[in-house]
PDB file of N, CA and C in Angstrom:
ATOM      1  N   MET A   1      17.663   4.790  -0.969  1.00  0.00           N
ATOM      2  CA  MET A   1      16.836   5.946  -1.183  1.00  0.00           C
ATOM      3  C   MET A   1      15.450   5.505  -1.630  1.00  0.00           C
ATOM      4  N   LYS A   2      14.410   6.026  -0.990  1.00  0.00           N
ATOM      5  CA  LYS A   2      13.052   5.664  -1.326  1.00  0.00           C
ATOM      6  C   LYS A   2      12.637   6.382  -2.595  1.00  0.00           C
ATOM      7  N   GLN A   3      11.944   5.671  -3.465  1.00  0.00           N
ATOM      8  CA  GLN A   3      11.472   6.268  -4.705  1.00  0.00           C
ATOM      9  C   GLN A   3       9.998   5.972  -4.862  1.00  0.00           C
ATOM     10  N   PRO A   4       9.177   7.012  -5.107  1.00  0.00           N
ATOM     11  CA  PRO A   4       7.763   6.759  -5.340  1.00  0.00           C
ATOM     12  C   PRO A   4       7.591   5.950  -6.616  1.00  0.00           C
ATOM     13  N   ALA A   5       6.794   4.904  -6.549  1.00  0.00           N
ATOM     14  CA  ALA A   5       6.552   4.073  -7.716  1.00  0.00           C
ATOM     15  C   ALA A   5       5.415   4.637  -8.554  1.00  0.00           C
ATOM     16  N   THR A   6       4.420   5.204  -7.906  1.00  0.00           N
ATOM     17  CA  THR A   6       3.261   5.716  -8.609  1.00  0.00           C
ATOM     18  C   THR A   6       2.756   6.946  -7.887  1.00  0.00           C
ATOM     19  N   LYS A   7       2.420   7.952  -8.615  1.00  0.00           N
ATOM     20  CA  LYS A   7       1.750   9.106  -8.036  1.00  0.00           C
ATOM     21  C   LYS A   7       0.470   9.331  -8.807  1.00  0.00           C
ATOM     22  N   SER A   8      -0.584   9.591  -8.084  1.00  0.00           N
ATOM     23  CA  SER A   8      -1.850   9.860  -8.730  1.00  0.00           C
ATOM     24  C   SER A   8      -1.747  11.143  -9.545  1.00  0.00           C
ATOM     25  N   LYS A   9      -2.343  11.140 -10.702  1.00  0.00           N
ATOM     26  CA  LYS A   9      -2.355  12.337 -11.533  1.00  0.00           C
ATOM     27  C   LYS A   9      -3.211  13.428 -10.911  1.00  0.00           C
ATOM     28  N   ALA A  10      -4.073  13.066  -9.969  1.00  0.00           N
ATOM     29  CA  ALA A  10      -4.957  14.033  -9.337  1.00  0.00           C
ATOM     30  C   ALA A  10      -4.248  14.880  -8.286  1.00  0.00           C
ATOM     31  N   THR A  11      -3.052  14.513  -7.892  1.00  0.00           N
ATOM     32  CA  THR A  11      -2.326  15.251  -6.870  1.00  0.00           C
ATOM     33  C   THR A  11      -1.620  16.447  -7.483  1.00  0.00           C
ATOM     34  N   PRO A  12      -2.017  17.683  -7.114  1.00  0.00           N
ATOM     35  CA  PRO A  12      -1.326  18.857  -7.644  1.00  0.00           C
ATOM     36  C   PRO A  12       0.120  18.893  -7.157  1.00  0.00           C
ATOM     37  N   VAL A  13       0.999  19.459  -7.954  1.00  0.00           N
ATOM     38  CA  VAL A  13       2.408  19.562  -7.594  1.00  0.00           C
ATOM     39  C   VAL A  13       2.537  20.370  -6.311  1.00  0.00           C
ATOM     40  N   GLY A  14       3.275  19.827  -5.353  1.00  0.00           N
ATOM     41  CA  GLY A  14       3.504  20.509  -4.084  1.00  0.00           C
ATOM     42  C   GLY A  14       2.438  20.229  -3.034  1.00  0.00           C
ATOM     43  N   ALA A  15       1.308  19.621  -3.429  1.00  0.00           N
ATOM     44  CA  ALA A  15       0.246  19.311  -2.473  1.00  0.00           C
ATOM     45  C   ALA A  15       0.497  17.942  -1.849  1.00  0.00           C
ATOM     46  N   VAL A  16       0.027  17.768  -0.635  1.00  0.00           N
ATOM     47  CA  VAL A  16       0.153  16.479   0.046  1.00  0.00           C
ATOM     48  C   VAL A  16      -1.052  15.626  -0.344  1.00  0.00           C
ATOM     49  N   PRO A  17      -0.831  14.431  -0.869  1.00  0.00           N
ATOM     50  CA  PRO A  17      -1.962  13.587  -1.255  1.00  0.00           C
ATOM     51  C   PRO A  17      -2.761  13.142  -0.033  1.00  0.00           C
ATOM     52  N   VAL A  18      -4.020  12.869  -0.247  1.00  0.00           N
ATOM     53  CA  VAL A  18      -4.894  12.434   0.834  1.00  0.00           C
ATOM     54  C   VAL A  18      -4.475  11.054   1.333  1.00  0.00           C
ATOM     55  N   TRP A  19      -4.091  10.165   0.422  1.00  0.00           N
ATOM     56  CA  TRP A  19      -3.691   8.800   0.760  1.00  0.00           C
ATOM     57  C   TRP A  19      -2.205   8.621   0.508  1.00  0.00           C
ATOM     58  N   GLN A  20      -1.454   8.232   1.527  1.00  0.00           N
ATOM     59  CA  GLN A  20      -0.045   7.891   1.373  1.00  0.00           C
ATOM     60  C   GLN A  20       0.120   6.425   1.745  1.00  0.00           C
ATOM     61  N   LEU A  21       0.525   5.626   0.754  1.00  0.00           N
ATOM     62  CA  LEU A  21       0.643   4.187   0.921  1.00  0.00           C
ATOM     63  C   LEU A  21       2.072   3.735   0.660  1.00  0.00           C
ATOM     64  N   ARG A  22       2.519   2.750   1.429  1.00  0.00           N
ATOM     65  CA  ARG A  22       3.824   2.122   1.207  1.00  0.00           C
ATOM     66  C   ARG A  22       3.603   0.628   1.064  1.00  0.00           C
ATOM     67  N   LEU A  23       4.208   0.062   0.039  1.00  0.00           N
ATOM     68  CA  LEU A  23       4.151  -1.385  -0.134  1.00  0.00           C
ATOM     69  C   LEU A  23       5.565  -1.917   0.038  1.00  0.00           C
ATOM     70  N   TYR A  24       5.750  -2.753   1.044  1.00  0.00           N
ATOM     71  CA  TYR A  24       7.044  -3.387   1.299  1.00  0.00           C
ATOM     72  C   TYR A  24       7.068  -4.740   0.598  1.00  0.00           C
ATOM     73  N   VAL A  25       8.091  -4.953  -0.229  1.00  0.00           N
ATOM     74  CA  VAL A  25       8.258  -6.204  -0.964  1.00  0.00           C
ATOM     75  C   VAL A  25       9.692  -6.687  -0.796  1.00  0.00           C
ATOM     76  N   ALA A  26       9.950  -7.889  -1.281  1.00  0.00           N
ATOM     77  CA  ALA A  26      11.316  -8.438  -1.268  1.00  0.00           C
ATOM     78  C   ALA A  26      11.645  -8.871  -2.688  1.00  0.00           C
ATOM     79  N   GLY A  27      12.179  -7.965  -3.461  1.00  0.00           N
ATOM     80  CA  GLY A  27      12.557  -8.271  -4.830  1.00  0.00           C
ATOM     81  C   GLY A  27      11.358  -8.398  -5.748  1.00  0.00           C
ATOM     82  N   HIS A  28      11.582  -9.042  -6.871  1.00  0.00           N
ATOM     83  CA  HIS A  28      10.552  -9.192  -7.896  1.00  0.00           C
ATOM     84  C   HIS A  28       9.972 -10.606  -7.879  1.00  0.00           C
ATOM     85  N   THR A  29       9.602 -11.073  -6.693  1.00  0.00           N
ATOM     86  CA  THR A  29       9.005 -12.396  -6.571  1.00  0.00           C
ATOM     87  C   THR A  29       7.579 -12.350  -7.114  1.00  0.00           C
ATOM     88  N   PRO A  30       7.040 -13.506  -7.487  1.00  0.00           N
ATOM     89  CA  PRO A  30       5.651 -13.521  -7.969  1.00  0.00           C
ATOM     90  C   PRO A  30       4.658 -12.926  -6.966  1.00  0.00           C
ATOM     91  N   LYS A  31       4.831 -13.220  -5.680  1.00  0.00           N
ATOM     92  CA  LYS A  31       3.923 -12.695  -4.669  1.00  0.00           C
ATOM     93  C   LYS A  31       4.041 -11.169  -4.552  1.00  0.00           C
ATOM     94  N   SER A  32       5.264 -10.651  -4.628  1.00  0.00           N
ATOM     95  CA  SER A  32       5.470  -9.203  -4.566  1.00  0.00           C
ATOM     96  C   SER A  32       4.852  -8.504  -5.771  1.00  0.00           C
ATOM     97  N   MET A  33       5.049  -9.081  -6.960  1.00  0.00           N
ATOM     98  CA  MET A  33       4.506  -8.484  -8.181  1.00  0.00           C
ATOM     99  C   MET A  33       2.982  -8.558  -8.210  1.00  0.00           C
ATOM    100  N   THR A  34       2.424  -9.648  -7.673  1.00  0.00           N
ATOM    101  CA  THR A  34       0.973  -9.776  -7.578  1.00  0.00           C
ATOM    102  C   THR A  34       0.407  -8.721  -6.636  1.00  0.00           C
ATOM    103  N   ALA A  35       1.058  -8.537  -5.492  1.00  0.00           N
ATOM    104  CA  ALA A  35       0.609  -7.526  -4.530  1.00  0.00           C
ATOM    105  C   ALA A  35       0.633  -6.138  -5.154  1.00  0.00           C
ATOM    106  N   LEU A  36       1.690  -5.818  -5.875  1.00  0.00           N
ATOM    107  CA  LEU A  36       1.797  -4.502  -6.505  1.00  0.00           C
ATOM    108  C   LEU A  36       0.713  -4.304  -7.567  1.00  0.00           C
ATOM    109  N   ALA A  37       0.498  -5.304  -8.396  1.00  0.00           N
ATOM    110  CA  ALA A  37      -0.541  -5.200  -9.431  1.00  0.00           C
ATOM    111  C   ALA A  37      -1.929  -5.059  -8.800  1.00  0.00           C
ATOM    112  N   ASN A  38      -2.202  -5.848  -7.775  1.00  0.00           N
ATOM    113  CA  ASN A  38      -3.494  -5.761  -7.097  1.00  0.00           C
ATOM    114  C   ASN A  38      -3.687  -4.393  -6.456  1.00  0.00           C
ATOM    115  N   LEU A  39      -2.643  -3.875  -5.820  1.00  0.00           N
ATOM    116  CA  LEU A  39      -2.733  -2.576  -5.164  1.00  0.00           C
ATOM    117  C   LEU A  39      -2.951  -1.463  -6.182  1.00  0.00           C
ATOM    118  N   ARG A  40      -2.238  -1.498  -7.283  1.00  0.00           N
ATOM    119  CA  ARG A  40      -2.429  -0.460  -8.310  1.00  0.00           C
ATOM    120  C   ARG A  40      -3.865  -0.468  -8.835  1.00  0.00           C
ATOM    121  N   LYS A  41      -4.413  -1.643  -9.048  1.00  0.00           N
ATOM    122  CA  LYS A  41      -5.786  -1.754  -9.525  1.00  0.00           C
ATOM    123  C   LYS A  41      -6.762  -1.176  -8.495  1.00  0.00           C
ATOM    124  N   ILE A  42      -6.573  -1.523  -7.230  1.00  0.00           N
ATOM    125  CA  ILE A  42      -7.433  -1.011  -6.164  1.00  0.00           C
ATOM    126  C   ILE A  42      -7.337   0.515  -6.084  1.00  0.00           C
ATOM    127  N   CYS A  43      -6.130   1.037  -6.157  1.00  0.00           N
ATOM    128  CA  CYS A  43      -5.941   2.490  -6.078  1.00  0.00           C
ATOM    129  C   CYS A  43      -6.626   3.202  -7.234  1.00  0.00           C
ATOM    130  N   GLU A  44      -6.466   2.691  -8.436  1.00  0.00           N
ATOM    131  CA  GLU A  44      -7.071   3.328  -9.606  1.00  0.00           C
ATOM    132  C   GLU A  44      -8.595   3.279  -9.552  1.00  0.00           C
ATOM    133  N   GLU A  45      -9.140   2.219  -8.987  1.00  0.00           N
ATOM    134  CA  GLU A  45     -10.592   2.066  -8.940  1.00  0.00           C
ATOM    135  C   GLU A  45     -11.248   2.758  -7.751  1.00  0.00           C
ATOM    136  N   HIS A  46     -10.524   2.907  -6.618  1.00  0.00           N
ATOM    137  CA  HIS A  46     -11.167   3.359  -5.392  1.00  0.00           C
ATOM    138  C   HIS A  46     -10.582   4.630  -4.775  1.00  0.00           C
ATOM    139  N   LEU A  47      -9.421   5.068  -5.207  1.00  0.00           N
ATOM    140  CA  LEU A  47      -8.806   6.272  -4.637  1.00  0.00           C
ATOM    141  C   LEU A  47      -8.592   7.307  -5.731  1.00  0.00           C
ATOM    142  N   LYS A  48      -8.853   8.553  -5.413  1.00  0.00           N
ATOM    143  CA  LYS A  48      -8.634   9.608  -6.404  1.00  0.00           C
ATOM    144  C   LYS A  48      -7.288  10.283  -6.202  1.00  0.00           C
ATOM    145  N   ASP A  49      -6.910  10.471  -4.973  1.00  0.00           N
ATOM    146  CA  ASP A  49      -5.733  11.264  -4.646  1.00  0.00           C
ATOM    147  C   ASP A  49      -4.817  10.442  -3.748  1.00  0.00           C
ATOM    148  N   TYR A  50      -3.770   9.851  -4.334  1.00  0.00           N
ATOM    149  CA  TYR A  50      -2.907   8.972  -3.552  1.00  0.00           C
ATOM    150  C   TYR A  50      -1.473   9.037  -4.048  1.00  0.00           C
ATOM    151  N   GLU A  51      -0.586   8.566  -3.168  1.00  0.00           N
ATOM    152  CA  GLU A  51       0.812   8.391  -3.511  1.00  0.00           C
ATOM    153  C   GLU A  51       1.194   6.999  -3.046  1.00  0.00           C
ATOM    154  N   LEU A  52       1.812   6.244  -3.942  1.00  0.00           N
ATOM    155  CA  LEU A  52       2.227   4.882  -3.628  1.00  0.00           C
ATOM    156  C   LEU A  52       3.741   4.805  -3.699  1.00  0.00           C
ATOM    157  N   GLU A  53       4.326   4.312  -2.615  1.00  0.00           N
ATOM    158  CA  GLU A  53       5.769   4.141  -2.537  1.00  0.00           C
ATOM    159  C   GLU A  53       6.054   2.656  -2.371  1.00  0.00           C
ATOM    160  N   VAL A  54       6.885   2.105  -3.231  1.00  0.00           N
ATOM    161  CA  VAL A  54       7.247   0.692  -3.148  1.00  0.00           C
ATOM    162  C   VAL A  54       8.665   0.609  -2.595  1.00  0.00           C
ATOM    163  N   ILE A  55       8.817  -0.167  -1.520  1.00  0.00           N
ATOM    164  CA  ILE A  55      10.122  -0.302  -0.872  1.00  0.00           C
ATOM    165  C   ILE A  55      10.556  -1.761  -0.970  1.00  0.00           C
ATOM    166  N   ASP A  56      11.682  -1.980  -1.644  1.00  0.00           N
ATOM    167  CA  ASP A  56      12.250  -3.317  -1.805  1.00  0.00           C
ATOM    168  C   ASP A  56      13.217  -3.566  -0.650  1.00  0.00           C
ATOM    169  N   LEU A  57      12.830  -4.450   0.247  1.00  0.00           N
ATOM    170  CA  LEU A  57      13.649  -4.708   1.436  1.00  0.00           C
ATOM    171  C   LEU A  57      14.920  -5.488   1.135  1.00  0.00           C
ATOM    172  N   LEU A  58      15.044  -6.063  -0.051  1.00  0.00           N
ATOM    173  CA  LEU A  58      16.315  -6.674  -0.427  1.00  0.00           C
ATOM    174  C   LEU A  58      17.364  -5.592  -0.676  1.00  0.00           C
ATOM    175  N   LYS A  59      16.928  -4.436  -1.134  1.00  0.00           N
ATOM    176  CA  LYS A  59      17.839  -3.317  -1.401  1.00  0.00           C
ATOM    177  C   LYS A  59      17.986  -2.397  -0.203  1.00  0.00           C
ATOM    178  N   GLN A  60      16.928  -2.293   0.613  1.00  0.00           N
ATOM    179  CA  GLN A  60      16.934  -1.372   1.752  1.00  0.00           C
ATOM    180  C   GLN A  60      16.346  -2.041   2.991  1.00  0.00           C
ATOM    181  N   PRO A  61      17.008  -3.050   3.520  1.00  0.00           N
ATOM    182  CA  PRO A  61      16.436  -3.787   4.665  1.00  0.00           C
ATOM    183  C   PRO A  61      16.257  -2.932   5.915  1.00  0.00           C
ATOM    184  N   GLN A  62      17.035  -1.893   6.065  1.00  0.00           N
ATOM    185  CA  GLN A  62      16.946  -1.038   7.248  1.00  0.00           C
ATOM    186  C   GLN A  62      15.603  -0.318   7.339  1.00  0.00           C
ATOM    187  N   LEU A  63      14.886  -0.180   6.236  1.00  0.00           N
ATOM    188  CA  LEU A  63      13.615   0.536   6.250  1.00  0.00           C
ATOM    189  C   LEU A  63      12.484  -0.275   6.881  1.00  0.00           C
ATOM    190  N   ALA A  64      12.689  -1.566   7.071  1.00  0.00           N
ATOM    191  CA  ALA A  64      11.658  -2.406   7.687  1.00  0.00           C
ATOM    192  C   ALA A  64      11.423  -2.017   9.144  1.00  0.00           C
ATOM    193  N   LYS A  65      12.435  -1.539   9.799  1.00  0.00           N
ATOM    194  CA  LYS A  65      12.337  -1.213  11.220  1.00  0.00           C
ATOM    195  C   LYS A  65      11.371  -0.060  11.473  1.00  0.00           C
ATOM    196  N   GLY A  66      11.411   0.956  10.625  1.00  0.00           N
ATOM    197  CA  GLY A  66      10.589   2.149  10.828  1.00  0.00           C
ATOM    198  C   GLY A  66       9.097   1.858  10.896  1.00  0.00           C
ATOM    199  N   ASP A  67       8.609   0.979  10.033  1.00  0.00           N
ATOM    200  CA  ASP A  67       7.192   0.625  10.035  1.00  0.00           C
ATOM    201  C   ASP A  67       6.944  -0.727  10.693  1.00  0.00           C
ATOM    202  N   GLN A  68       7.953  -1.273  11.355  1.00  0.00           N
ATOM    203  CA  GLN A  68       7.864  -2.548  12.070  1.00  0.00           C
ATOM    204  C   GLN A  68       7.307  -3.653  11.165  1.00  0.00           C
ATOM    205  N   ILE A  69       7.977  -3.855  10.039  1.00  0.00           N
ATOM    206  CA  ILE A  69       7.559  -4.851   9.066  1.00  0.00           C
ATOM    207  C   ILE A  69       8.081  -6.218   9.486  1.00  0.00           C
ATOM    208  N   LEU A  70       7.177  -7.177   9.652  1.00  0.00           N
ATOM    209  CA  LEU A  70       7.541  -8.522  10.071  1.00  0.00           C
ATOM    210  C   LEU A  70       7.311  -9.558   8.978  1.00  0.00           C
ATOM    211  N   ALA A  71       6.490  -9.217   7.996  1.00  0.00           N
ATOM    212  CA  ALA A  71       6.181 -10.133   6.897  1.00  0.00           C
ATOM    213  C   ALA A  71       6.063  -9.317   5.610  1.00  0.00           C
ATOM    214  N   ILE A  72       6.274  -9.992   4.480  1.00  0.00           N
ATOM    215  CA  ILE A  72       6.160  -9.294   3.210  1.00  0.00           C
ATOM    216  C   ILE A  72       5.399 -10.166   2.219  1.00  0.00           C
ATOM    217  N   PRO A  73       4.693  -9.558   1.307  1.00  0.00           N
ATOM    218  CA  PRO A  73       4.473  -8.114   1.153  1.00  0.00           C
ATOM    219  C   PRO A  73       3.546  -7.570   2.245  1.00  0.00           C
ATOM    220  N   THR A  74       3.798  -6.313   2.614  1.00  0.00           N
ATOM    221  CA  THR A  74       2.975  -5.599   3.582  1.00  0.00           C
ATOM    222  C   THR A  74       2.652  -4.222   3.031  1.00  0.00           C
ATOM    223  N   LEU A  75       1.381  -3.873   3.085  1.00  0.00           N
ATOM    224  CA  LEU A  75       0.925  -2.538   2.713  1.00  0.00           C
ATOM    225  C   LEU A  75       0.749  -1.732   3.987  1.00  0.00           C
ATOM    226  N   VAL A  76       1.305  -0.516   4.006  1.00  0.00           N
ATOM    227  CA  VAL A  76       1.158   0.379   5.146  1.00  0.00           C
ATOM    228  C   VAL A  76       0.462   1.640   4.667  1.00  0.00           C
ATOM    229  N   ARG A  77      -0.656   1.958   5.307  1.00  0.00           N
ATOM    230  CA  ARG A  77      -1.344   3.220   5.032  1.00  0.00           C
ATOM    231  C   ARG A  77      -0.811   4.253   6.010  1.00  0.00           C
ATOM    232  N   GLN A  78      -0.025   5.212   5.498  1.00  0.00           N
ATOM    233  CA  GLN A  78       0.544   6.275   6.330  1.00  0.00           C
ATOM    234  C   GLN A  78      -0.499   7.356   6.608  1.00  0.00           C
ATOM    235  N   LEU A  79      -1.178   7.787   5.567  1.00  0.00           N
ATOM    236  CA  LEU A  79      -2.235   8.786   5.661  1.00  0.00           C
ATOM    237  C   LEU A  79      -3.432   8.286   4.880  1.00  0.00           C
ATOM    238  N   PRO A  80      -4.632   8.555   5.287  1.00  0.00           N
ATOM    239  CA  PRO A  80      -4.988   9.254   6.519  1.00  0.00           C
ATOM    240  C   PRO A  80      -4.711   8.388   7.749  1.00  0.00           C
ATOM    241  N   THR A  81      -4.504   9.054   8.862  1.00  0.00           N
ATOM    242  CA  THR A  81      -4.249   8.348  10.099  1.00  0.00           C
ATOM    243  C   THR A  81      -5.544   7.725  10.588  1.00  0.00           C
ATOM    244  N   PRO A  82      -5.508   6.693  11.368  1.00  0.00           N
ATOM    245  CA  PRO A  82      -4.344   6.035  11.941  1.00  0.00           C
ATOM    246  C   PRO A  82      -3.657   5.133  10.909  1.00  0.00           C
ATOM    247  N   ILE A  83      -2.410   4.810  11.195  1.00  0.00           N
ATOM    248  CA  ILE A  83      -1.647   3.920  10.322  1.00  0.00           C
ATOM    249  C   ILE A  83      -2.305   2.539  10.334  1.00  0.00           C
ATOM    250  N   LYS A  84      -2.417   1.958   9.154  1.00  0.00           N
ATOM    251  CA  LYS A  84      -3.000   0.622   8.995  1.00  0.00           C
ATOM    252  C   LYS A  84      -2.012  -0.246   8.235  1.00  0.00           C
ATOM    253  N   LYS A  85      -2.010  -1.551   8.525  1.00  0.00           N
ATOM    254  CA  LYS A  85      -1.135  -2.495   7.826  1.00  0.00           C
ATOM    255  C   LYS A  85      -1.956  -3.673   7.319  1.00  0.00           C
ATOM    256  N   ILE A  86      -1.653  -4.092   6.102  1.00  0.00           N
ATOM    257  CA  ILE A  86      -2.294  -5.254   5.509  1.00  0.00           C
ATOM    258  C   ILE A  86      -1.180  -6.143   4.955  1.00  0.00           C
ATOM    259  N   ILE A  87      -1.167  -7.389   5.379  1.00  0.00           N
ATOM    260  CA  ILE A  87      -0.130  -8.329   4.957  1.00  0.00           C
ATOM    261  C   ILE A  87      -0.706  -9.279   3.913  1.00  0.00           C
ATOM    262  N   GLY A  88       0.083  -9.552   2.873  1.00  0.00           N
ATOM    263  CA  GLY A  88      -0.329 -10.519   1.867  1.00  0.00           C
ATOM    264  C   GLY A  88      -0.267  -9.946   0.467  1.00  0.00           C
ATOM    265  N   ASP A  89      -0.778 -10.720  -0.492  1.00  0.00           N
ATOM    266  CA  ASP A  89      -0.680 -10.303  -1.899  1.00  0.00           C
ATOM    267  C   ASP A  89      -1.820  -9.388  -2.341  1.00  0.00           C
ATOM    268  N   LEU A  90      -2.696  -9.018  -1.399  1.00  0.00           N
ATOM    269  CA  LEU A  90      -3.774  -8.053  -1.637  1.00  0.00           C
ATOM    270  C   LEU A  90      -4.767  -8.534  -2.687  1.00  0.00           C
ATOM    271  N   SER A  91      -4.875  -9.839  -2.851  1.00  0.00           N
ATOM    272  CA  SER A  91      -5.779 -10.393  -3.864  1.00  0.00           C
ATOM    273  C   SER A  91      -7.239 -10.362  -3.418  1.00  0.00           C
ATOM    274  N   ASN A  92      -7.494 -10.268  -2.121  1.00  0.00           N
ATOM    275  CA  ASN A  92      -8.856 -10.170  -1.614  1.00  0.00           C
ATOM    276  C   ASN A  92      -9.213  -8.689  -1.522  1.00  0.00           C
ATOM    277  N   THR A  93      -9.798  -8.175  -2.597  1.00  0.00           N
ATOM    278  CA  THR A  93     -10.098  -6.746  -2.691  1.00  0.00           C
ATOM    279  C   THR A  93     -10.987  -6.286  -1.544  1.00  0.00           C
ATOM    280  N   GLU A  94     -11.983  -7.061  -1.198  1.00  0.00           N
ATOM    281  CA  GLU A  94     -12.895  -6.703  -0.104  1.00  0.00           C
ATOM    282  C   GLU A  94     -12.120  -6.513   1.197  1.00  0.00           C
ATOM    283  N   ARG A  95     -11.213  -7.431   1.492  1.00  0.00           N
ATOM    284  CA  ARG A  95     -10.403  -7.351   2.720  1.00  0.00           C
ATOM    285  C   ARG A  95      -9.522  -6.101   2.711  1.00  0.00           C
ATOM    286  N   VAL A  96      -8.944  -5.788   1.557  1.00  0.00           N
ATOM    287  CA  VAL A  96      -8.092  -4.598   1.450  1.00  0.00           C
ATOM    288  C   VAL A  96      -8.919  -3.336   1.648  1.00  0.00           C
ATOM    289  N   LEU A  97     -10.083  -3.259   1.034  1.00  0.00           N
ATOM    290  CA  LEU A  97     -10.938  -2.077   1.174  1.00  0.00           C
ATOM    291  C   LEU A  97     -11.391  -1.891   2.615  1.00  0.00           C
ATOM    292  N   VAL A  98     -11.717  -2.978   3.298  1.00  0.00           N
ATOM    293  CA  VAL A  98     -12.085  -2.896   4.714  1.00  0.00           C
ATOM    294  C   VAL A  98     -10.870  -2.477   5.538  1.00  0.00           C
ATOM    295  N   GLY A  99      -9.702  -3.052   5.229  1.00  0.00           N
ATOM    296  CA  GLY A  99      -8.475  -2.720   5.952  1.00  0.00           C
ATOM    297  C   GLY A  99      -8.056  -1.270   5.804  1.00  0.00           C
ATOM    298  N   LEU A 100      -8.365  -0.680   4.653  1.00  0.00           N
ATOM    299  CA  LEU A 100      -8.043   0.728   4.409  1.00  0.00           C
ATOM    300  C   LEU A 100      -9.153   1.665   4.887  1.00  0.00           C
ATOM    301  N   ASN A 101     -10.225   1.095   5.438  1.00  0.00           N
ATOM    302  CA  ASN A 101     -11.410   1.845   5.874  1.00  0.00           C
ATOM    303  C   ASN A 101     -12.130   2.517   4.715  1.00  0.00           C
ATOM    304  N   LEU A 102     -12.089   1.890   3.550  1.00  0.00           N
ATOM    305  CA  LEU A 102     -12.837   2.387   2.406  1.00  0.00           C
ATOM    306  C   LEU A 102     -14.216   1.741   2.332  1.00  0.00           C
ATOM    307  N   ARG A 103     -14.405   0.671   3.087  1.00  0.00           N
ATOM    308  CA  ARG A 103     -15.666  -0.063   3.071  1.00  0.00           C
ATOM    309  C   ARG A 103     -15.876  -0.668   4.451  1.00  0.00           C
ATOM    310  N   GLU A 104     -17.125  -0.741   4.866  1.00  0.00           N
ATOM    311  CA  GLU A 104     -17.477  -1.358   6.148  1.00  0.00           C
ATOM    312  C   GLU A 104     -17.375  -2.870   6.028  1.00  0.00           C
ATOM    313  N   ALA A 105     -16.950  -3.514   7.084  1.00  0.00           N
ATOM    314  CA  ALA A 105     -16.894  -4.984   7.095  1.00  0.00           C
ATOM    315  C   ALA A 105     -18.316  -5.531   7.084  1.00  0.00           C
ATOM    316  N   ARG A 106     -18.512  -6.564   6.306  1.00  0.00           N
ATOM    317  CA  ARG A 106     -19.828  -7.211   6.258  1.00  0.00           C
ATOM    318  C   ARG A 106     -19.981  -8.102   7.473  1.00  0.00           C
ATOM    319  N   LYS A 107     -21.151  -8.043   8.072  1.00  0.00           N
ATOM    320  CA  LYS A 107     -21.423  -8.870   9.249  1.00  0.00           C
ATOM    321  C   LYS A 107     -21.801 -10.272   8.797  1.00  0.00           C
ATOM    322  N   LYS A 108     -21.238 -11.264   9.480  1.00  0.00           N
ATOM    323  CA  LYS A 108     -21.583 -12.660   9.201  1.00  0.00           C
ATOM    324  C   LYS A 108     -22.860 -12.995   9.959  1.00  0.00           C
ATOM    325  N   GLU A 109     -23.710 -13.730   9.289  1.00  0.00           N
ATOM    326  CA  GLU A 109     -24.990 -14.097   9.934  1.00  0.00           C
ATOM    327  C   GLU A 109     -24.874 -15.443  10.580  1.00  0.00           C
TER     328      GLU A 109
END
């Protein structure tokens, strides 16, 4: 059973949050915990209205198929569409913000 790990306080009860995120992890490994901590920090600093769902594939491996998860940790942005995926521990904040379309990619000179 999927359980939301974090819900933004800005989301009114019964309303659909603007950002729906899923983080796929495999247990409480250092890389999984780092990804979760990095994602929570990014969400608190850059998103006002979001829902974060953490899915542990050691407990629910069948859920990997739905979002076609091939590596972990993987962040999946469900909403707003289109669906986006970011693989890794999310330590590169700039890369995550670009991947979520919160920031434009910087052009290399």
